[in-house]
N, C-alpha and C. Protein backbone atom coordinates (compact mmCIF):
# COMPACT_ATOMS: atom_id res chain seq x y z
N MET A 1 -12.70 -0.55 1.49
CA MET A 1 -11.94 -0.24 0.30
C MET A 1 -11.73 -1.53 -0.49
N ARG A 2 -11.92 -1.44 -1.77
CA ARG A 2 -11.69 -2.59 -2.64
C ARG A 2 -10.26 -2.56 -3.18
N HIS A 3 -9.85 -3.68 -3.69
CA HIS A 3 -8.49 -3.77 -4.24
C HIS A 3 -8.29 -2.77 -5.38
N THR A 4 -9.31 -2.56 -6.21
CA THR A 4 -9.16 -1.61 -7.32
C THR A 4 -8.91 -0.20 -6.81
N GLU A 5 -9.61 0.20 -5.75
CA GLU A 5 -9.39 1.53 -5.18
C GLU A 5 -7.98 1.60 -4.56
N PHE A 6 -7.59 0.52 -3.88
CA PHE A 6 -6.25 0.48 -3.29
C PHE A 6 -5.18 0.73 -4.36
N TRP A 7 -5.26 -0.02 -5.47
CA TRP A 7 -4.24 0.12 -6.50
C TRP A 7 -4.32 1.47 -7.19
N SER A 8 -5.49 2.04 -7.30
CA SER A 8 -5.62 3.39 -7.84
C SER A 8 -4.90 4.39 -6.96
N ARG A 9 -5.07 4.26 -5.65
CA ARG A 9 -4.37 5.16 -4.72
C ARG A 9 -2.87 4.96 -4.77
N MET A 10 -2.45 3.71 -4.89
CA MET A 10 -1.01 3.43 -4.99
C MET A 10 -0.42 4.12 -6.23
N GLU A 11 -1.13 4.03 -7.35
CA GLU A 11 -0.66 4.64 -8.59
C GLU A 11 -0.64 6.16 -8.48
N GLN A 12 -1.61 6.73 -7.79
CA GLN A 12 -1.62 8.18 -7.60
C GLN A 12 -0.43 8.61 -6.74
N ALA A 13 -0.12 7.82 -5.73
CA ALA A 13 0.96 8.18 -4.80
C ALA A 13 2.35 7.96 -5.39
N LEU A 14 2.50 6.88 -6.16
CA LEU A 14 3.84 6.48 -6.61
C LEU A 14 4.04 6.50 -8.12
N GLY A 15 2.97 6.67 -8.85
CA GLY A 15 3.06 6.57 -10.30
C GLY A 15 2.75 5.16 -10.76
N ARG A 16 2.21 5.08 -11.93
CA ARG A 16 1.74 3.79 -12.45
C ARG A 16 2.88 2.77 -12.57
N ALA A 17 4.02 3.19 -13.06
CA ALA A 17 5.13 2.26 -13.30
C ALA A 17 5.78 1.78 -12.01
N TYR A 18 5.81 2.62 -10.98
CA TYR A 18 6.55 2.29 -9.77
C TYR A 18 5.70 1.63 -8.69
N ALA A 19 4.39 1.84 -8.69
CA ALA A 19 3.52 1.35 -7.61
C ALA A 19 3.63 -0.16 -7.40
N ARG A 20 3.55 -0.92 -8.46
CA ARG A 20 3.59 -2.39 -8.33
C ARG A 20 4.97 -2.87 -7.88
N SER A 21 5.99 -2.25 -8.37
CA SER A 21 7.35 -2.62 -7.97
C SER A 21 7.57 -2.31 -6.49
N TRP A 22 7.16 -1.13 -6.06
CA TRP A 22 7.29 -0.74 -4.66
C TRP A 22 6.54 -1.70 -3.76
N ALA A 23 5.33 -2.07 -4.17
CA ALA A 23 4.50 -2.98 -3.39
C ALA A 23 5.12 -4.36 -3.26
N ASP A 24 5.94 -4.72 -4.21
CA ASP A 24 6.58 -6.03 -4.20
C ASP A 24 7.90 -6.04 -3.43
N GLN A 25 8.51 -4.87 -3.25
CA GLN A 25 9.85 -4.81 -2.67
C GLN A 25 9.94 -4.18 -1.29
N GLN A 26 9.06 -3.24 -0.99
CA GLN A 26 9.17 -2.48 0.26
C GLN A 26 8.55 -3.26 1.43
N VAL A 27 9.34 -3.57 2.42
CA VAL A 27 8.87 -4.28 3.62
C VAL A 27 8.45 -3.23 4.64
N LEU A 28 7.24 -3.37 5.17
CA LEU A 28 6.70 -2.39 6.12
C LEU A 28 6.50 -3.02 7.49
N ALA A 29 7.03 -2.36 8.50
CA ALA A 29 6.87 -2.85 9.87
C ALA A 29 5.41 -2.93 10.27
N ASP A 30 4.61 -1.94 9.82
CA ASP A 30 3.18 -1.92 10.15
C ASP A 30 2.41 -3.10 9.57
N LEU A 31 3.02 -3.79 8.64
CA LEU A 31 2.39 -4.96 8.03
C LEU A 31 3.04 -6.25 8.53
N GLY A 32 3.67 -6.18 9.68
CA GLY A 32 4.30 -7.37 10.23
C GLY A 32 5.55 -7.77 9.48
N GLU A 33 6.31 -6.77 9.04
CA GLU A 33 7.54 -7.01 8.28
C GLU A 33 7.26 -7.76 6.98
N ARG A 34 6.16 -7.41 6.35
CA ARG A 34 5.80 -7.99 5.05
C ARG A 34 5.72 -6.87 4.01
N THR A 35 5.79 -7.27 2.76
CA THR A 35 5.56 -6.31 1.68
C THR A 35 4.05 -6.10 1.53
N VAL A 36 3.69 -5.10 0.78
CA VAL A 36 2.28 -4.84 0.48
C VAL A 36 1.66 -6.07 -0.19
N ASN A 37 2.34 -6.61 -1.17
CA ASN A 37 1.80 -7.77 -1.88
C ASN A 37 1.66 -8.99 -0.97
N GLU A 38 2.61 -9.19 -0.09
CA GLU A 38 2.52 -10.31 0.85
C GLU A 38 1.34 -10.13 1.80
N ALA A 39 1.15 -8.90 2.29
CA ALA A 39 0.05 -8.63 3.21
C ALA A 39 -1.30 -8.84 2.52
N LEU A 40 -1.44 -8.34 1.31
CA LEU A 40 -2.69 -8.53 0.58
C LEU A 40 -2.94 -10.01 0.29
N ALA A 41 -1.90 -10.74 -0.10
CA ALA A 41 -2.03 -12.17 -0.38
C ALA A 41 -2.41 -12.96 0.87
N ALA A 42 -1.99 -12.47 2.03
CA ALA A 42 -2.30 -13.14 3.30
C ALA A 42 -3.71 -12.80 3.79
N GLY A 43 -4.40 -11.92 3.06
CA GLY A 43 -5.78 -11.61 3.42
C GLY A 43 -5.98 -10.33 4.21
N GLU A 44 -4.92 -9.54 4.36
CA GLU A 44 -5.09 -8.25 5.04
C GLU A 44 -6.04 -7.39 4.21
N PRO A 45 -6.96 -6.70 4.86
CA PRO A 45 -7.87 -5.83 4.11
C PRO A 45 -7.09 -4.70 3.43
N PRO A 46 -7.48 -4.36 2.20
CA PRO A 46 -6.79 -3.28 1.49
C PRO A 46 -6.75 -1.97 2.29
N LYS A 47 -7.78 -1.68 3.05
CA LYS A 47 -7.80 -0.45 3.84
C LYS A 47 -6.69 -0.46 4.90
N THR A 48 -6.47 -1.59 5.53
CA THR A 48 -5.40 -1.73 6.52
C THR A 48 -4.05 -1.56 5.85
N VAL A 49 -3.88 -2.16 4.69
CA VAL A 49 -2.62 -2.06 3.96
C VAL A 49 -2.40 -0.61 3.51
N TRP A 50 -3.46 0.03 3.04
CA TRP A 50 -3.33 1.42 2.60
C TRP A 50 -2.88 2.31 3.75
N ARG A 51 -3.43 2.11 4.93
CA ARG A 51 -3.02 2.92 6.09
C ARG A 51 -1.53 2.77 6.36
N ALA A 52 -1.03 1.56 6.23
CA ALA A 52 0.41 1.33 6.43
C ALA A 52 1.22 2.02 5.35
N VAL A 53 0.76 1.96 4.12
CA VAL A 53 1.44 2.63 3.01
C VAL A 53 1.41 4.14 3.23
N TRP A 54 0.25 4.65 3.61
CA TRP A 54 0.07 6.08 3.86
C TRP A 54 1.08 6.59 4.90
N ARG A 55 1.22 5.82 5.98
CA ARG A 55 2.18 6.20 7.02
C ARG A 55 3.62 6.10 6.51
N ALA A 56 3.93 5.04 5.80
CA ALA A 56 5.30 4.82 5.33
C ALA A 56 5.74 5.91 4.34
N LEU A 57 4.81 6.35 3.53
CA LEU A 57 5.14 7.37 2.53
C LEU A 57 4.95 8.78 3.05
N ASP A 58 4.43 8.89 4.27
CA ASP A 58 4.18 10.20 4.88
C ASP A 58 3.33 11.08 3.96
N LEU A 59 2.22 10.49 3.49
CA LEU A 59 1.33 11.20 2.58
C LEU A 59 0.47 12.19 3.36
N PRO A 60 -0.07 13.20 2.67
CA PRO A 60 -0.91 14.18 3.34
C PRO A 60 -2.20 13.56 3.88
N ASP A 61 -2.78 14.20 4.88
CA ASP A 61 -4.02 13.71 5.50
C ASP A 61 -5.13 13.50 4.47
N ARG A 62 -5.19 14.33 3.46
CA ARG A 62 -6.27 14.20 2.47
C ARG A 62 -6.23 12.85 1.73
N ASP A 63 -5.06 12.20 1.74
CA ASP A 63 -4.91 10.91 1.06
C ASP A 63 -5.21 9.72 1.96
N ARG A 64 -5.52 10.00 3.20
CA ARG A 64 -5.77 8.92 4.15
C ARG A 64 -6.99 8.17 3.71
């Protein structure tokens, strides 16, 4: 998964205005107690980060 696809999925799940804010503020245990932005900046693959977001938001299987 590329970063562009990751952000597209984030916007679909949370809305365009809220996705970036959520990614900057929400700390996820699955990401080592980091935010989405911190995990991506540290080099975590977008697919790994998306899986953590998917679990945190309890999204449907089709969005996995």
